[in-house]
Amino acid sequence: MDFDVLIVGGGVAGMSAALVLGSAKNKPFAKDKKIGIIMHQRTSALNGALFNNVLGIPPGTTGNEILENGRKHLSHTYPHVIQIEKEKVSEVEPLGKFFNVKTNKGAYSAKIVVIAVGPSNLFNIKGLEQFIEPHRNLPAKKERIQLKNTNHKIQENLFVAGVLAGWRSQFATAAGSGTHVATDILTIWNGGQTAMVHDSEPK
């Protein structure tokens, strides 16, 4: 097995999920977990975006700055989270208790997979076609899609996060969706007991 959890997509939802999962490294139920994120960002909605209305982000910050700073934040603060660069997922195949995630350069096995790519109608990850449906919260003329899910869960150990989960395309909403999925995974690792991760200032 390569990963306990593999996140597909390095945009807002994917990196938010990775940061929360990475931050649980000192929790007994998470300390030995292998976490990976496939950082395919070329078609991220953040490319070309400008942010003036997001709490905690200085006005005038660009989406490209967030993408770059997010990668650095993840690698510097939680280096145990493996960032897989320059690979694009082509198939997600269930194999018993694992998923086989194929990319243009190879394949990885994972117990849990999180799909956090954009909602384009050009979505073409083999093995997930049966879950595609029209996006319920974006204008029909945009021809966006979502993956069928219940509270982010597509099926056992397969999750979707961000706009692809059916949420509207606001930065904070997508980030919250990724965080929600991450805490669901932490809860699974914690034997079903609700799990969250909070840092606090030293006293």
N, C-alpha and C. Protein backbone atom coordinates (compact mmCIF):
# COMPACT_ATOMS: atom_id res chain seq x y z
N MET A 1 0.84 -1.19 0.00
CA MET A 1 0.00 0.00 0.00
C MET A 1 0.87 1.24 0.00
N ASP A 2 0.52 2.22 -0.85
CA ASP A 2 1.27 3.46 -0.89
C ASP A 2 0.76 4.47 0.14
N PHE A 3 -0.58 4.61 0.27
CA PHE A 3 -1.13 5.65 1.13
C PHE A 3 -2.34 5.17 1.93
N ASP A 4 -2.47 5.74 3.11
CA ASP A 4 -3.71 5.56 3.86
C ASP A 4 -4.80 6.45 3.28
N VAL A 5 -4.41 7.63 2.81
CA VAL A 5 -5.34 8.51 2.10
C VAL A 5 -4.60 9.22 0.98
N LEU A 6 -5.24 9.29 -0.17
CA LEU A 6 -4.67 9.99 -1.33
C LEU A 6 -5.69 11.01 -1.82
N ILE A 7 -5.27 12.26 -1.85
CA ILE A 7 -6.13 13.36 -2.31
C ILE A 7 -5.80 13.64 -3.77
N VAL A 8 -6.82 13.74 -4.59
CA VAL A 8 -6.65 14.02 -6.01
C VAL A 8 -7.06 15.46 -6.27
N GLY A 9 -6.09 16.34 -6.47
CA GLY A 9 -6.38 17.75 -6.73
C GLY A 9 -5.71 18.67 -5.74
N GLY A 10 -4.93 19.63 -6.24
CA GLY A 10 -4.19 20.54 -5.38
C GLY A 10 -4.74 21.95 -5.36
N GLY A 11 -6.07 22.08 -5.48
CA GLY A 11 -6.69 23.39 -5.38
C GLY A 11 -7.10 23.68 -3.95
N VAL A 12 -8.10 24.55 -3.78
CA VAL A 12 -8.52 24.99 -2.45
C VAL A 12 -8.96 23.81 -1.58
N ALA A 13 -9.89 23.00 -2.08
CA ALA A 13 -10.43 21.90 -1.28
C ALA A 13 -9.37 20.84 -0.98
N GLY A 14 -8.59 20.48 -2.00
CA GLY A 14 -7.58 19.45 -1.82
C GLY A 14 -6.51 19.84 -0.84
N MET A 15 -5.97 21.06 -0.97
CA MET A 15 -4.91 21.49 -0.04
C MET A 15 -5.46 21.73 1.36
N SER A 16 -6.70 22.20 1.47
CA SER A 16 -7.30 22.37 2.80
C SER A 16 -7.41 21.02 3.50
N ALA A 17 -7.84 20.00 2.77
CA ALA A 17 -7.93 18.67 3.35
C ALA A 17 -6.54 18.17 3.76
N ALA A 18 -5.55 18.38 2.90
CA ALA A 18 -4.19 17.92 3.20
C ALA A 18 -3.62 18.60 4.43
N LEU A 19 -3.87 19.91 4.59
CA LEU A 19 -3.35 20.64 5.74
C LEU A 19 -3.94 20.12 7.05
N VAL A 20 -5.25 19.86 7.05
CA VAL A 20 -5.88 19.37 8.28
C VAL A 20 -5.40 17.95 8.60
N LEU A 21 -5.35 17.10 7.60
CA LEU A 21 -4.85 15.74 7.83
C LEU A 21 -3.40 15.77 8.31
N GLY A 22 -2.60 16.61 7.68
CA GLY A 22 -1.20 16.72 8.08
C GLY A 22 -1.04 17.22 9.50
N SER A 23 -1.93 18.10 9.92
CA SER A 23 -1.82 18.69 11.26
C SER A 23 -2.13 17.71 12.38
N ALA A 24 -2.69 16.55 12.02
CA ALA A 24 -3.04 15.54 13.04
C ALA A 24 -1.89 14.59 13.33
N LYS A 25 -0.69 14.91 12.86
CA LYS A 25 0.43 13.96 12.93
C LYS A 25 0.79 13.53 14.35
N ASN A 26 0.45 14.34 15.36
CA ASN A 26 0.79 13.96 16.74
C ASN A 26 -0.35 13.24 17.46
N LYS A 27 -1.47 13.07 16.78
CA LYS A 27 -2.56 12.33 17.36
C LYS A 27 -2.24 10.83 17.28
N PRO A 28 -2.49 10.07 18.35
CA PRO A 28 -2.16 8.64 18.32
C PRO A 28 -2.78 7.89 17.14
N PHE A 29 -3.99 8.27 16.76
CA PHE A 29 -4.69 7.54 15.68
C PHE A 29 -4.21 7.95 14.29
N ALA A 30 -3.41 9.00 14.19
CA ALA A 30 -2.99 9.50 12.88
C ALA A 30 -1.49 9.52 12.68
N LYS A 31 -0.71 9.26 13.73
CA LYS A 31 0.74 9.50 13.65
C LYS A 31 1.47 8.64 12.63
N ASP A 32 0.94 7.46 12.31
CA ASP A 32 1.63 6.59 11.37
C ASP A 32 0.95 6.54 10.00
N LYS A 33 -0.01 7.41 9.78
CA LYS A 33 -0.75 7.39 8.52
C LYS A 33 0.07 8.02 7.39
N LYS A 34 -0.03 7.40 6.23
CA LYS A 34 0.65 7.91 5.04
C LYS A 34 -0.35 8.72 4.21
N ILE A 35 -0.02 9.98 4.02
CA ILE A 35 -0.93 10.92 3.35
C ILE A 35 -0.27 11.43 2.08
N GLY A 36 -1.01 11.43 0.98
CA GLY A 36 -0.48 11.94 -0.27
C GLY A 36 -1.49 12.84 -0.96
N ILE A 37 -0.99 13.76 -1.78
CA ILE A 37 -1.86 14.63 -2.57
C ILE A 37 -1.27 14.79 -3.95
N ILE A 38 -2.07 14.51 -4.96
CA ILE A 38 -1.66 14.71 -6.34
C ILE A 38 -1.97 16.15 -6.70
N MET A 39 -0.91 16.93 -6.93
CA MET A 39 -1.01 18.39 -6.98
C MET A 39 -1.31 18.94 -8.37
N HIS A 40 -2.08 18.23 -9.15
CA HIS A 40 -2.41 18.73 -10.49
C HIS A 40 -3.23 20.00 -10.35
N GLN A 41 -2.68 21.14 -10.82
CA GLN A 41 -3.32 22.44 -10.61
C GLN A 41 -3.52 23.23 -11.89
N ARG A 42 -3.17 22.67 -13.00
CA ARG A 42 -3.17 23.45 -14.24
C ARG A 42 -4.53 24.06 -14.54
N THR A 43 -5.60 23.33 -14.25
CA THR A 43 -6.94 23.82 -14.56
C THR A 43 -7.67 24.32 -13.31
N SER A 44 -6.95 24.60 -12.24
CA SER A 44 -7.59 25.09 -11.03
C SER A 44 -8.31 26.40 -11.29
N ALA A 45 -9.49 26.54 -10.66
CA ALA A 45 -10.25 27.79 -10.77
C ALA A 45 -9.50 28.96 -10.15
N LEU A 46 -8.46 28.69 -9.37
CA LEU A 46 -7.68 29.76 -8.75
C LEU A 46 -6.80 30.50 -9.76
N ASN A 47 -6.49 29.83 -10.85
CA ASN A 47 -5.66 30.49 -11.86
C ASN A 47 -6.40 31.71 -12.40
N GLY A 48 -5.80 32.87 -12.24
CA GLY A 48 -6.42 34.11 -12.73
C GLY A 48 -7.39 34.76 -11.76
N ALA A 49 -7.62 34.14 -10.58
CA ALA A 49 -8.57 34.70 -9.61
C ALA A 49 -7.92 35.80 -8.79
N LEU A 50 -8.75 36.71 -8.27
CA LEU A 50 -8.31 37.78 -7.38
C LEU A 50 -9.23 37.80 -6.17
N PHE A 51 -8.64 37.90 -4.95
CA PHE A 51 -9.45 37.79 -3.73
C PHE A 51 -9.41 39.07 -2.91
N ASN A 52 -10.61 39.62 -2.69
CA ASN A 52 -10.78 40.78 -1.83
C ASN A 52 -11.77 40.52 -0.69
N ASN A 53 -12.43 39.37 -0.70
CA ASN A 53 -13.54 39.15 0.22
C ASN A 53 -13.43 37.87 1.04
N VAL A 54 -12.19 37.41 1.30
CA VAL A 54 -11.98 36.18 2.06
C VAL A 54 -11.31 36.51 3.39
N LEU A 55 -11.93 36.11 4.48
CA LEU A 55 -11.39 36.37 5.80
C LEU A 55 -9.98 35.78 5.95
N GLY A 56 -9.03 36.60 6.40
CA GLY A 56 -7.68 36.13 6.66
C GLY A 56 -6.74 36.23 5.47
N ILE A 57 -7.27 36.53 4.30
CA ILE A 57 -6.43 36.67 3.11
C ILE A 57 -6.38 38.15 2.73
N PRO A 58 -5.18 38.74 2.66
CA PRO A 58 -5.07 40.17 2.35
C PRO A 58 -5.73 40.51 1.02
N PRO A 59 -6.52 41.59 0.97
CA PRO A 59 -7.14 42.01 -0.28
C PRO A 59 -6.10 42.18 -1.38
N GLY A 60 -6.46 41.77 -2.57
CA GLY A 60 -5.55 41.87 -3.70
C GLY A 60 -4.72 40.62 -3.93
N THR A 61 -4.85 39.64 -3.05
CA THR A 61 -4.12 38.38 -3.22
C THR A 61 -4.65 37.65 -4.45
N THR A 62 -3.77 37.12 -5.27
CA THR A 62 -4.19 36.40 -6.47
C THR A 62 -4.31 34.90 -6.20
N GLY A 63 -5.08 34.25 -7.03
CA GLY A 63 -5.22 32.81 -6.92
C GLY A 63 -3.91 32.08 -7.13
N ASN A 64 -3.09 32.58 -8.04
CA ASN A 64 -1.79 31.95 -8.29
C ASN A 64 -0.88 32.04 -7.06
N GLU A 65 -0.98 33.17 -6.33
CA GLU A 65 -0.20 33.30 -5.10
C GLU A 65 -0.67 32.29 -4.06
N ILE A 66 -1.98 32.09 -3.98
CA ILE A 66 -2.52 31.12 -3.03
C ILE A 66 -2.06 29.71 -3.37
N LEU A 67 -2.08 29.37 -4.66
CA LEU A 67 -1.62 28.05 -5.08
C LEU A 67 -0.16 27.83 -4.68
N GLU A 68 0.68 28.80 -4.98
CA GLU A 68 2.11 28.67 -4.69
C GLU A 68 2.37 28.67 -3.18
N ASN A 69 1.75 29.62 -2.46
CA ASN A 69 1.96 29.68 -1.01
C ASN A 69 1.37 28.47 -0.30
N GLY A 70 0.29 27.94 -0.84
CA GLY A 70 -0.30 26.74 -0.24
C GLY A 70 0.61 25.55 -0.32
N ARG A 71 1.26 25.39 -1.45
CA ARG A 71 2.22 24.29 -1.61
C ARG A 71 3.38 24.44 -0.62
N LYS A 72 3.87 25.68 -0.49
CA LYS A 72 4.99 25.92 0.44
C LYS A 72 4.54 25.69 1.88
N HIS A 73 3.36 26.19 2.23
CA HIS A 73 2.82 26.00 3.57
C HIS A 73 2.75 24.52 3.90
N LEU A 74 2.21 23.73 2.98
CA LEU A 74 2.07 22.29 3.21
C LEU A 74 3.42 21.61 3.34
N SER A 75 4.37 21.95 2.47
CA SER A 75 5.67 21.28 2.50
C SER A 75 6.51 21.68 3.70
N HIS A 76 6.41 22.95 4.13
CA HIS A 76 7.22 23.42 5.25
C HIS A 76 6.65 23.00 6.59
N THR A 77 5.33 23.04 6.73
CA THR A 77 4.71 22.76 8.02
C THR A 77 4.44 21.28 8.22
N TYR A 78 4.07 20.60 7.16
CA TYR A 78 3.74 19.17 7.25
C TYR A 78 4.45 18.40 6.15
N PRO A 79 5.78 18.31 6.23
CA PRO A 79 6.55 17.68 5.15
C PRO A 79 6.28 16.19 4.99
N HIS A 80 5.64 15.58 5.98
CA HIS A 80 5.32 14.15 5.86
C HIS A 80 4.18 13.90 4.88
N VAL A 81 3.44 14.96 4.51
CA VAL A 81 2.41 14.83 3.48
C VAL A 81 3.11 14.86 2.12
N ILE A 82 3.00 13.78 1.38
CA ILE A 82 3.73 13.65 0.12
C ILE A 82 2.99 14.38 -1.00
N GLN A 83 3.67 15.36 -1.60
CA GLN A 83 3.10 16.08 -2.74
C GLN A 83 3.60 15.44 -4.03
N ILE A 84 2.67 14.97 -4.84
CA ILE A 84 3.00 14.32 -6.11
C ILE A 84 2.78 15.33 -7.22
N GLU A 85 3.87 15.73 -7.87
CA GLU A 85 3.82 16.79 -8.87
C GLU A 85 3.75 16.23 -10.28
N LYS A 86 3.18 17.02 -11.18
CA LYS A 86 3.19 16.78 -12.62
C LYS A 86 2.60 15.42 -13.00
N GLU A 87 1.57 15.01 -12.27
CA GLU A 87 0.84 13.80 -12.62
C GLU A 87 -0.65 14.10 -12.62
N LYS A 88 -1.37 13.48 -13.51
CA LYS A 88 -2.81 13.66 -13.64
C LYS A 88 -3.49 12.31 -13.54
N VAL A 89 -4.53 12.22 -12.74
CA VAL A 89 -5.22 10.95 -12.53
C VAL A 89 -6.10 10.60 -13.72
N SER A 90 -6.01 9.36 -14.16
CA SER A 90 -6.82 8.89 -15.29
C SER A 90 -7.86 7.86 -14.88
N GLU A 91 -7.63 7.20 -13.72
CA GLU A 91 -8.58 6.15 -13.31
C GLU A 91 -8.50 5.92 -11.81
N VAL A 92 -9.66 5.65 -11.21
CA VAL A 92 -9.74 5.23 -9.81
C VAL A 92 -10.49 3.91 -9.79
N GLU A 93 -9.77 2.85 -9.44
CA GLU A 93 -10.32 1.49 -9.53
C GLU A 93 -10.36 0.84 -8.15
N PRO A 94 -11.54 0.43 -7.67
CA PRO A 94 -11.60 -0.27 -6.39
C PRO A 94 -11.04 -1.68 -6.52
N LEU A 95 -10.16 -2.04 -5.60
CA LEU A 95 -9.58 -3.38 -5.58
C LEU A 95 -9.65 -3.91 -4.15
N GLY A 96 -10.75 -4.58 -3.81
CA GLY A 96 -10.91 -5.09 -2.46
C GLY A 96 -11.01 -3.94 -1.47
N LYS A 97 -10.11 -3.91 -0.49
CA LYS A 97 -10.13 -2.88 0.54
C LYS A 97 -9.33 -1.64 0.14
N PHE A 98 -8.82 -1.62 -1.08
CA PHE A 98 -7.99 -0.52 -1.54
C PHE A 98 -8.53 0.07 -2.84
N PHE A 99 -7.99 1.20 -3.21
CA PHE A 99 -8.24 1.79 -4.52
C PHE A 99 -6.93 1.84 -5.27
N ASN A 100 -6.97 1.52 -6.55
CA ASN A 100 -5.81 1.66 -7.42
C ASN A 100 -6.01 2.96 -8.20
N VAL A 101 -5.15 3.94 -7.94
CA VAL A 101 -5.27 5.26 -8.57
C VAL A 101 -4.20 5.35 -9.65
N LYS A 102 -4.65 5.38 -10.90
CA LYS A 102 -3.72 5.42 -12.03
C LYS A 102 -3.54 6.85 -12.50
N THR A 103 -2.29 7.18 -12.84
CA THR A 103 -1.98 8.51 -13.39
C THR A 103 -1.31 8.35 -14.75
N ASN A 104 -0.97 9.47 -15.35
CA ASN A 104 -0.26 9.43 -16.63
C ASN A 104 1.17 8.92 -16.48
N LYS A 105 1.64 8.73 -15.24
CA LYS A 105 3.02 8.28 -15.04
C LYS A 105 3.14 7.01 -14.22
N GLY A 106 2.06 6.50 -13.66
CA GLY A 106 2.16 5.31 -12.82
C GLY A 106 0.86 5.02 -12.11
N ALA A 107 0.98 4.41 -10.92
CA ALA A 107 -0.22 4.05 -10.15
C ALA A 107 0.13 4.02 -8.67
N TYR A 108 -0.89 4.27 -7.83
CA TYR A 108 -0.74 4.25 -6.38
C TYR A 108 -1.93 3.51 -5.78
N SER A 109 -1.69 2.86 -4.66
CA SER A 109 -2.80 2.24 -3.93
C SER A 109 -3.09 3.09 -2.70
N ALA A 110 -4.37 3.14 -2.34
CA ALA A 110 -4.79 3.95 -1.18
C ALA A 110 -6.01 3.33 -0.54
N LYS A 111 -6.07 3.41 0.79
CA LYS A 111 -7.25 2.93 1.51
C LYS A 111 -8.42 3.89 1.33
N ILE A 112 -8.12 5.19 1.34
CA ILE A 112 -9.14 6.22 1.19
C ILE A 112 -8.71 7.17 0.08
N VAL A 113 -9.67 7.57 -0.76
CA VAL A 113 -9.39 8.51 -1.85
C VAL A 113 -10.34 9.68 -1.73
N VAL A 114 -9.80 10.89 -1.92
CA VAL A 114 -10.59 12.12 -1.93
C VAL A 114 -10.44 12.76 -3.31
N ILE A 115 -11.56 12.95 -4.01
CA ILE A 115 -11.55 13.60 -5.32
C ILE A 115 -11.84 15.08 -5.11
N ALA A 116 -10.89 15.94 -5.45
CA ALA A 116 -11.03 17.37 -5.19
C ALA A 116 -10.57 18.18 -6.40
N VAL A 117 -11.00 17.76 -7.58
CA VAL A 117 -10.69 18.50 -8.79
C VAL A 117 -11.88 19.38 -9.16
N GLY A 118 -11.75 20.16 -10.22
CA GLY A 118 -12.80 21.08 -10.61
C GLY A 118 -14.02 20.40 -11.21
N PRO A 119 -15.13 21.16 -11.36
CA PRO A 119 -16.40 20.60 -11.81
C PRO A 119 -16.63 20.68 -13.32
N SER A 120 -15.56 20.72 -14.10
CA SER A 120 -15.70 20.83 -15.55
C SER A 120 -16.45 19.63 -16.12
N ASN A 121 -17.24 19.90 -17.17
CA ASN A 121 -17.93 18.79 -17.83
C ASN A 121 -16.97 17.95 -18.67
N LEU A 122 -15.69 18.33 -18.68
CA LEU A 122 -14.66 17.52 -19.34
C LEU A 122 -14.05 16.49 -18.39
N PHE A 123 -14.61 16.40 -17.16
CA PHE A 123 -14.16 15.42 -16.16
C PHE A 123 -14.09 14.04 -16.82
N ASN A 124 -12.94 13.39 -16.71
CA ASN A 124 -12.77 12.13 -17.43
C ASN A 124 -11.97 11.10 -16.64
N ILE A 125 -12.19 11.03 -15.33
CA ILE A 125 -11.50 10.01 -14.54
C ILE A 125 -12.28 8.71 -14.65
N LYS A 126 -11.68 7.74 -15.28
CA LYS A 126 -12.33 6.44 -15.48
C LYS A 126 -12.63 5.79 -14.13
N GLY A 127 -13.77 5.16 -14.03
CA GLY A 127 -14.18 4.51 -12.79
C GLY A 127 -15.12 5.35 -11.97
N LEU A 128 -15.23 6.65 -12.31
CA LEU A 128 -16.11 7.55 -11.58
C LEU A 128 -17.26 8.07 -12.44
N GLU A 129 -17.32 7.62 -13.69
CA GLU A 129 -18.33 8.14 -14.62
C GLU A 129 -19.75 7.96 -14.11
N GLN A 130 -20.01 6.85 -13.42
CA GLN A 130 -21.38 6.56 -12.98
C GLN A 130 -21.87 7.51 -11.90
N PHE A 131 -20.97 8.30 -11.34
CA PHE A 131 -21.36 9.23 -10.27
C PHE A 131 -21.59 10.65 -10.79
N ILE A 132 -21.34 10.89 -12.07
CA ILE A 132 -21.46 12.24 -12.62
C ILE A 132 -22.92 12.63 -12.78
N GLU A 133 -23.24 13.85 -12.38
CA GLU A 133 -24.58 14.41 -12.59
C GLU A 133 -24.43 15.92 -12.75
N PRO A 134 -25.46 16.60 -13.31
CA PRO A 134 -25.38 18.06 -13.45
C PRO A 134 -25.24 18.73 -12.09
N HIS A 135 -24.45 19.81 -12.06
CA HIS A 135 -24.24 20.53 -10.81
C HIS A 135 -25.54 21.21 -10.38
N ARG A 136 -25.90 21.04 -9.11
CA ARG A 136 -27.19 21.52 -8.62
C ARG A 136 -27.16 22.98 -8.17
N ASN A 137 -25.99 23.52 -7.96
CA ASN A 137 -25.90 24.87 -7.40
C ASN A 137 -25.17 25.87 -8.27
N LEU A 138 -24.91 25.51 -9.51
CA LEU A 138 -24.31 26.43 -10.47
C LEU A 138 -25.23 26.56 -11.67
N PRO A 139 -25.23 27.69 -12.36
CA PRO A 139 -26.12 27.89 -13.50
C PRO A 139 -25.96 26.80 -14.56
N ALA A 140 -27.09 26.31 -15.09
CA ALA A 140 -27.06 25.23 -16.07
C ALA A 140 -26.23 25.61 -17.30
N LYS A 141 -26.23 26.89 -17.67
CA LYS A 141 -25.51 27.32 -18.86
C LYS A 141 -24.00 27.12 -18.73
N LYS A 142 -23.50 27.01 -17.49
CA LYS A 142 -22.08 26.79 -17.29
C LYS A 142 -21.68 25.33 -17.55
N GLU A 143 -22.67 24.44 -17.60
CA GLU A 143 -22.44 23.02 -17.89
C GLU A 143 -21.43 22.40 -16.93
N ARG A 144 -21.58 22.70 -15.66
CA ARG A 144 -20.71 22.12 -14.64
C ARG A 144 -21.33 20.84 -14.09
N ILE A 145 -20.48 19.98 -13.57
CA ILE A 145 -20.95 18.70 -13.04
C ILE A 145 -20.57 18.56 -11.57
N GLN A 146 -21.18 17.58 -10.92
CA GLN A 146 -20.78 17.20 -9.57
C GLN A 146 -20.80 15.67 -9.52
N LEU A 147 -20.23 15.13 -8.45
CA LEU A 147 -20.28 13.68 -8.25
C LEU A 147 -21.32 13.38 -7.18
N LYS A 148 -22.18 12.42 -7.44
CA LYS A 148 -23.23 12.05 -6.50
C LYS A 148 -22.60 11.68 -5.17
N ASN A 149 -23.11 12.28 -4.11
CA ASN A 149 -22.54 12.01 -2.79
C ASN A 149 -23.57 12.31 -1.72
N THR A 150 -23.34 11.75 -0.55
CA THR A 150 -24.12 12.09 0.63
C THR A 150 -23.16 12.63 1.67
N ASN A 151 -23.26 13.94 1.94
CA ASN A 151 -22.37 14.57 2.90
C ASN A 151 -20.91 14.31 2.57
N HIS A 152 -20.56 14.47 1.28
CA HIS A 152 -19.21 14.31 0.74
C HIS A 152 -18.81 12.86 0.46
N LYS A 153 -19.59 11.91 0.89
CA LYS A 153 -19.22 10.50 0.72
C LYS A 153 -19.87 9.93 -0.54
N ILE A 154 -19.04 9.45 -1.46
CA ILE A 154 -19.53 8.82 -2.69
C ILE A 154 -19.88 7.36 -2.41
N GLN A 155 -18.94 6.68 -1.81
CA GLN A 155 -19.14 5.31 -1.35
C GLN A 155 -18.10 5.06 -0.26
N GLU A 156 -18.06 3.87 0.27
CA GLU A 156 -17.15 3.60 1.38
C GLU A 156 -15.72 3.96 1.02
N ASN A 157 -15.14 4.86 1.83
CA ASN A 157 -13.74 5.29 1.68
C ASN A 157 -13.44 6.06 0.40
N LEU A 158 -14.48 6.54 -0.27
CA LEU A 158 -14.32 7.38 -1.45
C LEU A 158 -15.11 8.67 -1.24
N PHE A 159 -14.39 9.80 -1.20
CA PHE A 159 -15.00 11.09 -0.90
C PHE A 159 -14.80 12.07 -2.04
N VAL A 160 -15.65 13.10 -2.07
CA VAL A 160 -15.49 14.21 -3.01
C VAL A 160 -15.54 15.50 -2.20
N ALA A 161 -14.72 16.48 -2.60
CA ALA A 161 -14.65 17.74 -1.85
C ALA A 161 -14.65 18.92 -2.80
N GLY A 162 -15.13 20.05 -2.30
CA GLY A 162 -15.11 21.29 -3.06
C GLY A 162 -16.32 21.45 -3.96
N VAL A 163 -16.16 22.21 -5.02
CA VAL A 163 -17.27 22.49 -5.93
C VAL A 163 -17.77 21.20 -6.58
N LEU A 164 -16.89 20.24 -6.79
CA LEU A 164 -17.28 18.96 -7.38
C LEU A 164 -18.22 18.17 -6.47
N ALA A 165 -18.30 18.55 -5.20
CA ALA A 165 -19.22 17.90 -4.27
C ALA A 165 -20.61 18.53 -4.32
N GLY A 166 -20.77 19.57 -5.14
CA GLY A 166 -22.06 20.20 -5.27
C GLY A 166 -22.16 21.57 -4.63
N TRP A 167 -21.03 22.09 -4.12
CA TRP A 167 -21.04 23.39 -3.47
C TRP A 167 -20.84 24.50 -4.49
N ARG A 168 -21.25 25.71 -4.11
CA ARG A 168 -21.03 26.87 -4.97
C ARG A 168 -19.54 27.23 -4.95
N SER A 169 -19.13 27.96 -5.99
CA SER A 169 -17.69 28.20 -6.17
C SER A 169 -17.22 29.45 -5.44
N GLN A 170 -17.31 29.45 -4.12
CA GLN A 170 -16.70 30.47 -3.29
C GLN A 170 -15.48 29.85 -2.59
N PHE A 171 -14.43 30.63 -2.48
CA PHE A 171 -13.18 30.13 -1.90
C PHE A 171 -13.42 29.50 -0.53
N ALA A 172 -14.08 30.24 0.37
CA ALA A 172 -14.25 29.74 1.74
C ALA A 172 -15.11 28.49 1.78
N THR A 173 -16.08 28.40 0.87
CA THR A 173 -16.94 27.22 0.83
C THR A 173 -16.14 25.99 0.41
N ALA A 174 -15.32 26.13 -0.62
CA ALA A 174 -14.49 25.02 -1.08
C ALA A 174 -13.49 24.60 -0.01
N ALA A 175 -12.88 25.58 0.66
CA ALA A 175 -11.92 25.27 1.73
C ALA A 175 -12.62 24.53 2.87
N GLY A 176 -13.82 24.99 3.23
CA GLY A 176 -14.57 24.34 4.29
C GLY A 176 -14.96 22.92 3.93
N SER A 177 -15.28 22.70 2.67
CA SER A 177 -15.63 21.36 2.21
C SER A 177 -14.44 20.41 2.36
N GLY A 178 -13.25 20.86 1.95
CA GLY A 178 -12.06 20.03 2.11
C GLY A 178 -11.76 19.73 3.56
N THR A 179 -11.94 20.74 4.41
CA THR A 179 -11.72 20.57 5.85
C THR A 179 -12.73 19.58 6.44
N HIS A 180 -13.97 19.68 6.00
CA HIS A 180 -15.02 18.76 6.46
C HIS A 180 -14.63 17.31 6.15
N VAL A 181 -14.21 17.07 4.90
CA VAL A 181 -13.80 15.72 4.51
C VAL A 181 -12.63 15.24 5.36
N ALA A 182 -11.66 16.12 5.60
CA ALA A 182 -10.49 15.75 6.40
C ALA A 182 -10.90 15.33 7.81
N THR A 183 -11.82 16.06 8.43
CA THR A 183 -12.24 15.68 9.79
C THR A 183 -13.07 14.40 9.78
N ASP A 184 -13.78 14.15 8.67
CA ASP A 184 -14.48 12.86 8.55
C ASP A 184 -13.47 11.71 8.51
N ILE A 185 -12.38 11.92 7.79
CA ILE A 185 -11.34 10.88 7.71
C ILE A 185 -10.66 10.69 9.06
N LEU A 186 -10.36 11.79 9.74
CA LEU A 186 -9.78 11.69 11.08
C LEU A 186 -10.72 10.93 12.02
N THR A 187 -12.00 11.15 11.87
CA THR A 187 -12.98 10.45 12.70
C THR A 187 -12.97 8.96 12.41
N ILE A 188 -12.82 8.59 11.13
CA ILE A 188 -12.69 7.16 10.78
C ILE A 188 -11.46 6.58 11.45
N TRP A 189 -10.34 7.28 11.35
CA TRP A 189 -9.10 6.80 11.95
C TRP A 189 -9.20 6.70 13.47
N ASN A 190 -10.06 7.52 14.03
CA ASN A 190 -10.23 7.55 15.49
C ASN A 190 -11.33 6.60 15.95
N GLY A 191 -11.59 5.58 15.15
CA GLY A 191 -12.55 4.55 15.55
C GLY A 191 -13.99 5.03 15.60
N GLY A 192 -14.31 6.08 14.83
CA GLY A 192 -15.67 6.59 14.80
C GLY A 192 -15.96 7.69 15.80
N GLN A 193 -14.98 7.99 16.65
CA GLN A 193 -15.13 9.09 17.60
C GLN A 193 -14.76 10.40 16.92
N THR A 194 -15.64 11.40 17.02
CA THR A 194 -15.43 12.67 16.34
C THR A 194 -14.04 13.23 16.63
N ALA A 195 -13.34 13.60 15.55
CA ALA A 195 -11.96 14.09 15.70
C ALA A 195 -11.79 15.41 14.95
N MET A 196 -11.13 16.35 15.60
CA MET A 196 -10.76 17.64 15.00
C MET A 196 -9.36 17.98 15.48
N VAL A 197 -8.73 18.94 14.83
CA VAL A 197 -7.39 19.36 15.22
C VAL A 197 -7.38 20.87 15.39
N HIS A 198 -7.02 21.32 16.59
CA HIS A 198 -6.92 22.75 16.86
C HIS A 198 -5.55 23.06 17.45
N ASP A 199 -4.93 24.11 16.98
CA ASP A 199 -3.69 24.59 17.58
C ASP A 199 -4.04 25.77 18.51
N SER A 200 -3.19 26.03 19.47
CA SER A 200 -3.42 27.17 20.36
C SER A 200 -2.09 27.83 20.69
N GLU A 201 -2.16 29.09 21.02
CA GLU A 201 -0.96 29.83 21.37
C GLU A 201 -0.40 29.33 22.70
N PRO A 202 0.92 29.26 22.82
CA PRO A 202 1.51 28.85 24.10
C PRO A 202 1.20 29.88 25.19
N LYS A 203 0.98 29.40 26.38
CA LYS A 203 0.67 30.31 27.51
C LYS A 203 1.91 30.56 28.37
